[in-house]
Amino acid sequence: MLAILAIAGLAWLAARRETLPPPGRVTIGPGWTAVTLAPYRAAPRLWITADVPFSLRIDGDRVTRAVPGAGAVLRPRALRSLELRSGRGQATVTLTPRAE
């Protein structure tokens, strides 16, 4: 009986790890745009990319720049807030949850 519970527990953990939120897209402009982090809290990492250079304001004070192709990787569980802005007009940013 204990073995069955252990196997069921491991299967539940494996299923939980594989369940990531779907990727999302946010349209940003030259002003700071707030990103809703609630859908991404379950993901261990969040990969943020765009086709143009963009800036990230993390927790209201740290500003980081990202270039096309490289993007940025964040841990959404540790974030209090995230804001994005484009370096060139309007752009679409892709938020892709990733496993560890």
PDB file of N, CA and C in Angstrom:
ATOM      1  N   MET A   1       0.820  -1.184   0.000  1.00  0.00           N
ATOM      2  CA  MET A   1       0.000   0.000   0.000  1.00  0.00           C
ATOM      3  C   MET A   1       0.871   1.257   0.000  1.00  0.00           C
ATOM      4  N   LEU A   2       1.922   1.242   0.785  1.00  0.00           N
ATOM      5  CA  LEU A   2       2.824   2.381   0.844  1.00  0.00           C
ATOM      6  C   LEU A   2       3.504   2.615  -0.498  1.00  0.00           C
ATOM      7  N   ALA A   3       3.855   1.533  -1.181  1.00  0.00           N
ATOM      8  CA  ALA A   3       4.497   1.653  -2.501  1.00  0.00           C
ATOM      9  C   ALA A   3       3.553   2.310  -3.504  1.00  0.00           C
ATOM     10  N   ILE A   4       2.284   1.973  -3.442  1.00  0.00           N
ATOM     11  CA  ILE A   4       1.305   2.558  -4.362  1.00  0.00           C
ATOM     12  C   ILE A   4       1.172   4.059  -4.107  1.00  0.00           C
ATOM     13  N   LEU A   5       1.142   4.461  -2.843  1.00  0.00           N
ATOM     14  CA  LEU A   5       1.068   5.883  -2.501  1.00  0.00           C
ATOM     15  C   LEU A   5       2.318   6.627  -2.953  1.00  0.00           C
ATOM     16  N   ALA A   6       3.471   6.007  -2.810  1.00  0.00           N
ATOM     17  CA  ALA A   6       4.720   6.634  -3.238  1.00  0.00           C
ATOM     18  C   ALA A   6       4.734   6.831  -4.748  1.00  0.00           C
ATOM     19  N   ILE A   7       4.305   5.826  -5.490  1.00  0.00           N
ATOM     20  CA  ILE A   7       4.263   5.935  -6.953  1.00  0.00           C
ATOM     21  C   ILE A   7       3.257   7.006  -7.376  1.00  0.00           C
ATOM     22  N   ALA A   8       2.109   7.034  -6.736  1.00  0.00           N
ATOM     23  CA  ALA A   8       1.100   8.049  -7.053  1.00  0.00           C
ATOM     24  C   ALA A   8       1.623   9.447  -6.750  1.00  0.00           C
ATOM     25  N   GLY A   9       2.337   9.606  -5.656  1.00  0.00           N
ATOM     26  CA  GLY A   9       2.920  10.901  -5.304  1.00  0.00           C
ATOM     27  C   GLY A   9       3.962  11.350  -6.307  1.00  0.00           C
ATOM     28  N   LEU A  10       4.811  10.438  -6.732  1.00  0.00           N
ATOM     29  CA  LEU A  10       5.818  10.779  -7.738  1.00  0.00           C
ATOM     30  C   LEU A  10       5.176  11.129  -9.078  1.00  0.00           C
ATOM     31  N   ALA A  11       4.143  10.409  -9.455  1.00  0.00           N
ATOM     32  CA  ALA A  11       3.432  10.714 -10.706  1.00  0.00           C
ATOM     33  C   ALA A  11       2.789  12.092 -10.635  1.00  0.00           C
ATOM     34  N   TRP A  12       2.218  12.437  -9.471  1.00  0.00           N
ATOM     35  CA  TRP A  12       1.615  13.753  -9.292  1.00  0.00           C
ATOM     36  C   TRP A  12       2.669  14.854  -9.410  1.00  0.00           C
ATOM     37  N   LEU A  13       3.833  14.655  -8.788  1.00  0.00           N
ATOM     38  CA  LEU A  13       4.905  15.643  -8.883  1.00  0.00           C
ATOM     39  C   LEU A  13       5.394  15.796 -10.314  1.00  0.00           C
ATOM     40  N   ALA A  14       5.538  14.700 -11.032  1.00  0.00           N
ATOM     41  CA  ALA A  14       5.990  14.761 -12.422  1.00  0.00           C
ATOM     42  C   ALA A  14       4.977  15.505 -13.285  1.00  0.00           C
ATOM     43  N   ALA A  15       3.718  15.249 -13.080  1.00  0.00           N
ATOM     44  CA  ALA A  15       2.673  15.933 -13.853  1.00  0.00           C
ATOM     45  C   ALA A  15       2.649  17.420 -13.523  1.00  0.00           C
ATOM     46  N   ARG A  16       2.872  17.756 -12.286  1.00  0.00           N
ATOM     47  CA  ARG A  16       2.865  19.153 -11.871  1.00  0.00           C
ATOM     48  C   ARG A  16       4.026  19.918 -12.484  1.00  0.00           C
ATOM     49  N   ARG A  17       5.192  19.308 -12.575  1.00  0.00           N
ATOM     50  CA  ARG A  17       6.359  19.956 -13.157  1.00  0.00           C
ATOM     51  C   ARG A  17       6.172  20.231 -14.646  1.00  0.00           C
ATOM     52  N   GLU A  18       5.493  19.338 -15.337  1.00  0.00           N
ATOM     53  CA  GLU A  18       5.324  19.488 -16.772  1.00  0.00           C
ATOM     54  C   GLU A  18       4.243  20.503 -17.128  1.00  0.00           C
ATOM     55  N   THR A  19       3.419  20.884 -16.184  1.00  0.00           N
ATOM     56  CA  THR A  19       2.342  21.818 -16.448  1.00  0.00           C
ATOM     57  C   THR A  19       2.859  23.245 -16.321  1.00  0.00           C
ATOM     58  N   LEU A  20       3.113  23.866 -17.454  1.00  0.00           N
ATOM     59  CA  LEU A  20       3.558  25.250 -17.486  1.00  0.00           C
ATOM     60  C   LEU A  20       2.476  26.096 -18.135  1.00  0.00           C
ATOM     61  N   PRO A  21       2.377  27.352 -17.740  1.00  0.00           N
ATOM     62  CA  PRO A  21       1.413  28.223 -18.400  1.00  0.00           C
ATOM     63  C   PRO A  21       1.785  28.399 -19.875  1.00  0.00           C
ATOM     64  N   PRO A  22       0.828  28.711 -20.723  1.00  0.00           N
ATOM     65  CA  PRO A  22       1.154  28.929 -22.137  1.00  0.00           C
ATOM     66  C   PRO A  22       1.927  30.231 -22.321  1.00  0.00           C
ATOM     67  N   PRO A  23       2.699  30.348 -23.397  1.00  0.00           N
ATOM     68  CA  PRO A  23       3.390  31.608 -23.677  1.00  0.00           C
ATOM     69  C   PRO A  23       2.386  32.739 -23.863  1.00  0.00           C
ATOM     70  N   GLY A  24       2.821  33.927 -23.545  1.00  0.00           N
ATOM     71  CA  GLY A  24       1.959  35.099 -23.698  1.00  0.00           C
ATOM     72  C   GLY A  24       2.658  36.184 -24.490  1.00  0.00           C
ATOM     73  N   ARG A  25       1.886  37.109 -24.995  1.00  0.00           N
ATOM     74  CA  ARG A  25       2.430  38.238 -25.750  1.00  0.00           C
ATOM     75  C   ARG A  25       1.900  39.536 -25.153  1.00  0.00           C
ATOM     76  N   VAL A  26       2.783  40.536 -25.105  1.00  0.00           N
ATOM     77  CA  VAL A  26       2.423  41.852 -24.588  1.00  0.00           C
ATOM     78  C   VAL A  26       2.901  42.883 -25.597  1.00  0.00           C
ATOM     79  N   THR A  27       2.026  43.820 -25.956  1.00  0.00           N
ATOM     80  CA  THR A  27       2.423  44.917 -26.845  1.00  0.00           C
ATOM     81  C   THR A  27       2.923  46.063 -25.977  1.00  0.00           C
ATOM     82  N   ILE A  28       4.132  46.527 -26.283  1.00  0.00           N
ATOM     83  CA  ILE A  28       4.736  47.606 -25.496  1.00  0.00           C
ATOM     84  C   ILE A  28       5.078  48.774 -26.411  1.00  0.00           C
ATOM     85  N   GLY A  29       5.269  49.921 -25.806  1.00  0.00           N
ATOM     86  CA  GLY A  29       5.642  51.123 -26.532  1.00  0.00           C
ATOM     87  C   GLY A  29       6.796  51.806 -25.827  1.00  0.00           C
ATOM     88  N   PRO A  30       7.027  53.097 -26.103  1.00  0.00           N
ATOM     89  CA  PRO A  30       8.144  53.811 -25.478  1.00  0.00           C
ATOM     90  C   PRO A  30       7.943  54.107 -23.991  1.00  0.00           C
ATOM     91  N   GLY A  31       6.700  53.996 -23.503  1.00  0.00           N
ATOM     92  CA  GLY A  31       6.435  54.179 -22.073  1.00  0.00           C
ATOM     93  C   GLY A  31       6.435  52.835 -21.365  1.00  0.00           C
ATOM     94  N   TRP A  32       6.592  52.852 -20.054  1.00  0.00           N
ATOM     95  CA  TRP A  32       6.632  51.607 -19.287  1.00  0.00           C
ATOM     96  C   TRP A  32       5.258  50.937 -19.294  1.00  0.00           C
ATOM     97  N   THR A  33       5.237  49.646 -19.597  1.00  0.00           N
ATOM     98  CA  THR A  33       4.020  48.840 -19.608  1.00  0.00           C
ATOM     99  C   THR A  33       4.147  47.763 -18.535  1.00  0.00           C
ATOM    100  N   ALA A  34       3.208  47.719 -17.604  1.00  0.00           N
ATOM    101  CA  ALA A  34       3.237  46.715 -16.528  1.00  0.00           C
ATOM    102  C   ALA A  34       2.824  45.352 -17.083  1.00  0.00           C
ATOM    103  N   VAL A  35       3.500  44.312 -16.611  1.00  0.00           N
ATOM    104  CA  VAL A  35       3.203  42.938 -17.005  1.00  0.00           C
ATOM    105  C   VAL A  35       2.532  42.242 -15.828  1.00  0.00           C
ATOM    106  N   THR A  36       1.421  41.574 -16.090  1.00  0.00           N
ATOM    107  CA  THR A  36       0.741  40.800 -15.053  1.00  0.00           C
ATOM    108  C   THR A  36       1.511  39.508 -14.844  1.00  0.00           C
ATOM    109  N   LEU A  37       2.052  39.308 -13.659  1.00  0.00           N
ATOM    110  CA  LEU A  37       2.898  38.148 -13.375  1.00  0.00           C
ATOM    111  C   LEU A  37       2.124  36.936 -12.875  1.00  0.00           C
ATOM    112  N   ALA A  38       0.893  37.108 -12.458  1.00  0.00           N
ATOM    113  CA  ALA A  38       0.122  36.002 -11.872  1.00  0.00           C
ATOM    114  C   ALA A  38       0.085  34.746 -12.746  1.00  0.00           C
ATOM    115  N   PRO A  39      -0.128  34.840 -14.061  1.00  0.00           N
ATOM    116  CA  PRO A  39      -0.178  33.610 -14.859  1.00  0.00           C
ATOM    117  C   PRO A  39       1.157  32.861 -14.936  1.00  0.00           C
ATOM    118  N   TYR A  40       2.256  33.539 -14.624  1.00  0.00           N
ATOM    119  CA  TYR A  40       3.579  32.941 -14.792  1.00  0.00           C
ATOM    120  C   TYR A  40       4.245  32.533 -13.480  1.00  0.00           C
ATOM    121  N   ARG A  41       3.599  32.745 -12.353  1.00  0.00           N
ATOM    122  CA  ARG A  41       4.199  32.420 -11.048  1.00  0.00           C
ATOM    123  C   ARG A  41       4.539  30.938 -10.910  1.00  0.00           C
ATOM    124  N   ALA A  42       3.805  30.056 -11.562  1.00  0.00           N
ATOM    125  CA  ALA A  42       4.047  28.615 -11.440  1.00  0.00           C
ATOM    126  C   ALA A  42       5.295  28.171 -12.201  1.00  0.00           C
ATOM    127  N   ALA A  43       5.766  28.982 -13.120  1.00  0.00           N
ATOM    128  CA  ALA A  43       6.941  28.601 -13.924  1.00  0.00           C
ATOM    129  C   ALA A  43       8.228  28.916 -13.172  1.00  0.00           C
ATOM    130  N   PRO A  44       9.205  28.007 -13.207  1.00  0.00           N
ATOM    131  CA  PRO A  44      10.486  28.284 -12.559  1.00  0.00           C
ATOM    132  C   PRO A  44      11.247  29.441 -13.217  1.00  0.00           C
ATOM    133  N   ARG A  45      11.131  29.555 -14.545  1.00  0.00           N
ATOM    134  CA  ARG A  45      11.822  30.622 -15.273  1.00  0.00           C
ATOM    135  C   ARG A  45      10.902  31.206 -16.318  1.00  0.00           C
ATOM    136  N   LEU A  46      11.142  32.468 -16.650  1.00  0.00           N
ATOM    137  CA  LEU A  46      10.371  33.155 -17.665  1.00  0.00           C
ATOM    138  C   LEU A  46      11.342  33.768 -18.655  1.00  0.00           C
ATOM    139  N   TRP A  47      11.248  33.339 -19.907  1.00  0.00           N
ATOM    140  CA  TRP A  47      12.121  33.843 -20.970  1.00  0.00           C
ATOM    141  C   TRP A  47      11.372  34.935 -21.709  1.00  0.00           C
ATOM    142  N   ILE A  48      11.977  36.121 -21.806  1.00  0.00           N
ATOM    143  CA  ILE A  48      11.332  37.287 -22.407  1.00  0.00           C
ATOM    144  C   ILE A  48      12.123  37.698 -23.634  1.00  0.00           C
ATOM    145  N   THR A  49      11.469  37.716 -24.800  1.00  0.00           N
ATOM    146  CA  THR A  49      12.136  38.071 -26.056  1.00  0.00           C
ATOM    147  C   THR A  49      11.280  39.034 -26.868  1.00  0.00           C
ATOM    148  N   ALA A  50      11.940  39.751 -27.790  1.00  0.00           N
ATOM    149  CA  ALA A  50      11.263  40.645 -28.734  1.00  0.00           C
ATOM    150  C   ALA A  50      12.150  40.785 -29.963  1.00  0.00           C
ATOM    151  N   ASP A  51      11.575  41.313 -31.031  1.00  0.00           N
ATOM    152  CA  ASP A  51      12.332  41.518 -32.263  1.00  0.00           C
ATOM    153  C   ASP A  51      13.082  42.843 -32.291  1.00  0.00           C
ATOM    154  N   VAL A  52      12.897  43.655 -31.274  1.00  0.00           N
ATOM    155  CA  VAL A  52      13.579  44.951 -31.166  1.00  0.00           C
ATOM    156  C   VAL A  52      14.220  45.040 -29.784  1.00  0.00           C
ATOM    157  N   PRO A  53      15.187  45.946 -29.600  1.00  0.00           N
ATOM    158  CA  PRO A  53      15.740  46.136 -28.250  1.00  0.00           C
ATOM    159  C   PRO A  53      14.638  46.631 -27.298  1.00  0.00           C
ATOM    160  N   PHE A  54      14.679  46.169 -26.060  1.00  0.00           N
ATOM    161  CA  PHE A  54      13.698  46.609 -25.079  1.00  0.00           C
ATOM    162  C   PHE A  54      14.350  46.664 -23.709  1.00  0.00           C
ATOM    163  N   SER A  55      13.672  47.345 -22.788  1.00  0.00           N
ATOM    164  CA  SER A  55      14.165  47.487 -21.420  1.00  0.00           C
ATOM    165  C   SER A  55      13.185  46.850 -20.453  1.00  0.00           C
ATOM    166  N   LEU A  56      13.732  46.337 -19.362  1.00  0.00           N
ATOM    167  CA  LEU A  56      12.924  45.744 -18.295  1.00  0.00           C
ATOM    168  C   LEU A  56      13.167  46.548 -17.025  1.00  0.00           C
ATOM    169  N   ARG A  57      12.096  46.899 -16.334  1.00  0.00           N
ATOM    170  CA  ARG A  57      12.227  47.521 -15.017  1.00  0.00           C
ATOM    171  C   ARG A  57      11.726  46.488 -14.025  1.00  0.00           C
ATOM    172  N   ILE A  58      12.642  45.977 -13.216  1.00  0.00           N
ATOM    173  CA  ILE A  58      12.353  44.877 -12.309  1.00  0.00           C
ATOM    174  C   ILE A  58      12.175  45.413 -10.896  1.00  0.00           C
ATOM    175  N   ASP A  59      11.048  45.106 -10.290  1.00  0.00           N
ATOM    176  CA  ASP A  59      10.727  45.521  -8.925  1.00  0.00           C
ATOM    177  C   ASP A  59      10.788  47.026  -8.740  1.00  0.00           C
ATOM    178  N   GLY A  60      10.516  47.777  -9.802  1.00  0.00           N
ATOM    179  CA  GLY A  60      10.411  49.220  -9.716  1.00  0.00           C
ATOM    180  C   GLY A  60      11.695  50.012  -9.742  1.00  0.00           C
ATOM    181  N   ASP A  61      12.869  49.350  -9.701  1.00  0.00           N
ATOM    182  CA  ASP A  61      14.088  50.148  -9.669  1.00  0.00           C
ATOM    183  C   ASP A  61      15.234  49.649 -10.552  1.00  0.00           C
ATOM    184  N   ARG A  62      15.363  48.365 -10.749  1.00  0.00           N
ATOM    185  CA  ARG A  62      16.468  47.855 -11.561  1.00  0.00           C
ATOM    186  C   ARG A  62      16.068  47.851 -13.030  1.00  0.00           C
ATOM    187  N   VAL A  63      16.839  48.546 -13.869  1.00  0.00           N
ATOM    188  CA  VAL A  63      16.550  48.593 -15.301  1.00  0.00           C
ATOM    189  C   VAL A  63      17.612  47.789 -16.037  1.00  0.00           C
ATOM    190  N   THR A  64      17.150  46.883 -16.880  1.00  0.00           N
ATOM    191  CA  THR A  64      18.031  46.029 -17.670  1.00  0.00           C
ATOM    192  C   THR A  64      17.635  46.158 -19.126  1.00  0.00           C
ATOM    193  N   ARG A  65      18.608  46.167 -20.007  1.00  0.00           N
ATOM    194  CA  ARG A  65      18.328  46.217 -21.438  1.00  0.00           C
ATOM    195  C   ARG A  65      18.493  44.824 -22.028  1.00  0.00           C
ATOM    196  N   ALA A  66      17.672  44.524 -23.015  1.00  0.00           N
ATOM    197  CA  ALA A  66      17.753  43.229 -23.706  1.00  0.00           C
ATOM    198  C   ALA A  66      17.797  43.491 -25.207  1.00  0.00           C
ATOM    199  N   VAL A  67      18.533  42.680 -25.911  1.00  0.00           N
ATOM    200  CA  VAL A  67      18.660  42.823 -27.361  1.00  0.00           C
ATOM    201  C   VAL A  67      17.895  41.707 -28.066  1.00  0.00           C
ATOM    202  N   PRO A  68      17.492  41.939 -29.316  1.00  0.00           N
ATOM    203  CA  PRO A  68      16.777  40.889 -30.053  1.00  0.00           C
ATOM    204  C   PRO A  68      17.608  39.611 -30.136  1.00  0.00           C
ATOM    205  N   GLY A  69      16.960  38.488 -29.995  1.00  0.00           N
ATOM    206  CA  GLY A  69      17.649  37.201 -30.057  1.00  0.00           C
ATOM    207  C   GLY A  69      18.124  36.708 -28.705  1.00  0.00           C
ATOM    208  N   ALA A  70      18.644  37.596 -27.870  1.00  0.00           N
ATOM    209  CA  ALA A  70      19.163  37.189 -26.567  1.00  0.00           C
ATOM    210  C   ALA A  70      18.060  37.199 -25.517  1.00  0.00           C
ATOM    211  N   GLY A  71      17.287  38.270 -25.430  1.00  0.00           N
ATOM    212  CA  GLY A  71      16.215  38.363 -24.453  1.00  0.00           C
ATOM    213  C   GLY A  71      16.728  38.387 -23.031  1.00  0.00           C
ATOM    214  N   ALA A  72      15.852  37.975 -22.118  1.00  0.00           N
ATOM    215  CA  ALA A  72      16.188  37.949 -20.697  1.00  0.00           C
ATOM    216  C   ALA A  72      15.482  36.766 -20.046  1.00  0.00           C
ATOM    217  N   VAL A  73      16.123  36.198 -19.031  1.00  0.00           N
ATOM    218  CA  VAL A  73      15.525  35.094 -18.274  1.00  0.00           C
ATOM    219  C   VAL A  73      15.353  35.555 -16.831  1.00  0.00           C
ATOM    220  N   LEU A  74      14.125  35.419 -16.320  1.00  0.00           N
ATOM    221  CA  LEU A  74      13.812  35.844 -14.955  1.00  0.00           C
ATOM    222  C   LEU A  74      13.170  34.703 -14.185  1.00  0.00           C
ATOM    223  N   ARG A  75      13.188  34.810 -12.862  1.00  0.00           N
ATOM    224  CA  ARG A  75      12.477  33.876 -11.996  1.00  0.00           C
ATOM    225  C   ARG A  75      11.226  34.597 -11.492  1.00  0.00           C
ATOM    226  N   PRO A  76      10.055  34.280 -12.065  1.00  0.00           N
ATOM    227  CA  PRO A  76       8.848  35.044 -11.725  1.00  0.00           C
ATOM    228  C   PRO A  76       8.404  34.937 -10.266  1.00  0.00           C
ATOM    229  N   ARG A  77       8.776  33.869  -9.577  1.00  0.00           N
ATOM    230  CA  ARG A  77       8.379  33.728  -8.170  1.00  0.00           C
ATOM    231  C   ARG A  77       9.031  34.790  -7.298  1.00  0.00           C
ATOM    232  N   ALA A  78      10.208  35.242  -7.694  1.00  0.00           N
ATOM    233  CA  ALA A  78      10.948  36.208  -6.886  1.00  0.00           C
ATOM    234  C   ALA A  78      10.604  37.659  -7.231  1.00  0.00           C
ATOM    235  N   LEU A  79       9.846  37.884  -8.291  1.00  0.00           N
ATOM    236  CA  LEU A  79       9.539  39.245  -8.724  1.00  0.00           C
ATOM    237  C   LEU A  79       8.346  39.832  -7.983  1.00  0.00           C
ATOM    238  N   ARG A  80       8.453  41.111  -7.673  1.00  0.00           N
ATOM    239  CA  ARG A  80       7.311  41.844  -7.138  1.00  0.00           C
ATOM    240  C   ARG A  80       6.572  42.541  -8.273  1.00  0.00           C
ATOM    241  N   SER A  81       7.345  43.074  -9.241  1.00  0.00           N
ATOM    242  CA  SER A  81       6.729  43.744 -10.389  1.00  0.00           C
ATOM    243  C   SER A  81       7.685  43.690 -11.579  1.00  0.00           C
ATOM    244  N   LEU A  82       7.102  43.796 -12.770  1.00  0.00           N
ATOM    245  CA  LEU A  82       7.874  43.800 -14.010  1.00  0.00           C
ATOM    246  C   LEU A  82       7.212  44.767 -14.979  1.00  0.00           C
ATOM    247  N   GLU A  83       8.019  45.683 -15.519  1.00  0.00           N
ATOM    248  CA  GLU A  83       7.542  46.629 -16.518  1.00  0.00           C
ATOM    249  C   GLU A  83       8.483  46.568 -17.715  1.00  0.00           C
ATOM    250  N   LEU A  84       7.930  46.741 -18.905  1.00  0.00           N
ATOM    251  CA  LEU A  84       8.708  46.675 -20.133  1.00  0.00           C
ATOM    252  C   LEU A  84       8.481  47.926 -20.964  1.00  0.00           C
ATOM    253  N   ARG A  85       9.487  48.312 -21.753  1.00  0.00           N
ATOM    254  CA  ARG A  85       9.308  49.388 -22.732  1.00  0.00           C
ATOM    255  C   ARG A  85      10.201  49.115 -23.929  1.00  0.00           C
ATOM    256  N   SER A  86       9.753  49.591 -25.063  1.00  0.00           N
ATOM    257  CA  SER A  86      10.453  49.352 -26.321  1.00  0.00           C
ATOM    258  C   SER A  86      11.470  50.451 -26.576  1.00  0.00           C
ATOM    259  N   GLY A  87      12.548  50.065 -27.218  1.00  0.00           N
ATOM    260  CA  GLY A  87      13.548  51.046 -27.613  1.00  0.00           C
ATOM    261  C   GLY A  87      13.203  51.710 -28.933  1.00  0.00           C
ATOM    262  N   ARG A  88      12.295  51.107 -29.704  1.00  0.00           N
ATOM    263  CA  ARG A  88      11.915  51.621 -31.029  1.00  0.00           C
ATOM    264  C   ARG A  88      10.416  51.485 -31.251  1.00  0.00           C
ATOM    265  N   GLY A  89       9.658  52.494 -30.937  1.00  0.00           N
ATOM    266  CA  GLY A  89       8.224  52.479 -31.213  1.00  0.00           C
ATOM    267  C   GLY A  89       7.492  51.350 -30.519  1.00  0.00           C
ATOM    268  N   GLN A  90       6.472  50.830 -31.185  1.00  0.00           N
ATOM    269  CA  GLN A  90       5.682  49.749 -30.620  1.00  0.00           C
ATOM    270  C   GLN A  90       6.291  48.403 -30.993  1.00  0.00           C
ATOM    271  N   ALA A  91       6.220  47.453 -30.065  1.00  0.00           N
ATOM    272  CA  ALA A  91       6.789  46.120 -30.296  1.00  0.00           C
ATOM    273  C   ALA A  91       5.965  45.092 -29.529  1.00  0.00           C
ATOM    274  N   THR A  92       6.087  43.846 -29.954  1.00  0.00           N
ATOM    275  CA  THR A  92       5.443  42.743 -29.254  1.00  0.00           C
ATOM    276  C   THR A  92       6.505  41.926 -28.539  1.00  0.00           C
ATOM    277  N   VAL A  93       6.296  41.705 -27.262  1.00  0.00           N
ATOM    278  CA  VAL A  93       7.223  40.939 -26.438  1.00  0.00           C
ATOM    279  C   VAL A  93       6.579  39.586 -26.151  1.00  0.00           C
ATOM    280  N   THR A  94       7.370  38.521 -26.255  1.00  0.00           N
ATOM    281  CA  THR A  94       6.878  37.175 -25.977  1.00  0.00           C
ATOM    282  C   THR A  94       7.395  36.726 -24.616  1.00  0.00           C
ATOM    283  N   LEU A  95       6.488  36.251 -23.772  1.00  0.00           N
ATOM    284  CA  LEU A  95       6.821  35.735 -22.444  1.00  0.00           C
ATOM    285  C   LEU A  95       6.638  34.220 -22.485  1.00  0.00           C
ATOM    286  N   THR A  96       7.745  33.476 -22.393  1.00  0.00           N
ATOM    287  CA  THR A  96       7.697  32.025 -22.509  1.00  0.00           C
ATOM    288  C   THR A  96       8.113  31.375 -21.201  1.00  0.00           C
ATOM    289  N   PRO A  97       7.187  30.712 -20.505  1.00  0.00           N
ATOM    290  CA  PRO A  97       7.553  29.984 -19.284  1.00  0.00           C
ATOM    291  C   PRO A  97       8.449  28.796 -19.632  1.00  0.00           C
ATOM    292  N   ARG A  98       9.435  28.539 -18.778  1.00  0.00           N
ATOM    293  CA  ARG A  98      10.359  27.435 -18.997  1.00  0.00           C
ATOM    294  C   ARG A  98      10.545  26.640 -17.709  1.00  0.00           C
ATOM    295  N   ALA A  99      10.808  25.365 -17.887  1.00  0.00           N
ATOM    296  CA  ALA A  99      11.144  24.525 -16.737  1.00  0.00           C
ATOM    297  C   ALA A  99      12.596  24.772 -16.369  1.00  0.00           C
ATOM    298  N   GLU A 100      13.008  24.337 -15.207  1.00  0.00           N
ATOM    299  CA  GLU A 100      14.402  24.555 -14.747  1.00  0.00           C
ATOM    300  C   GLU A 100      15.417  23.933 -15.627  1.00  0.00           C
TER     301      GLU A 100
END
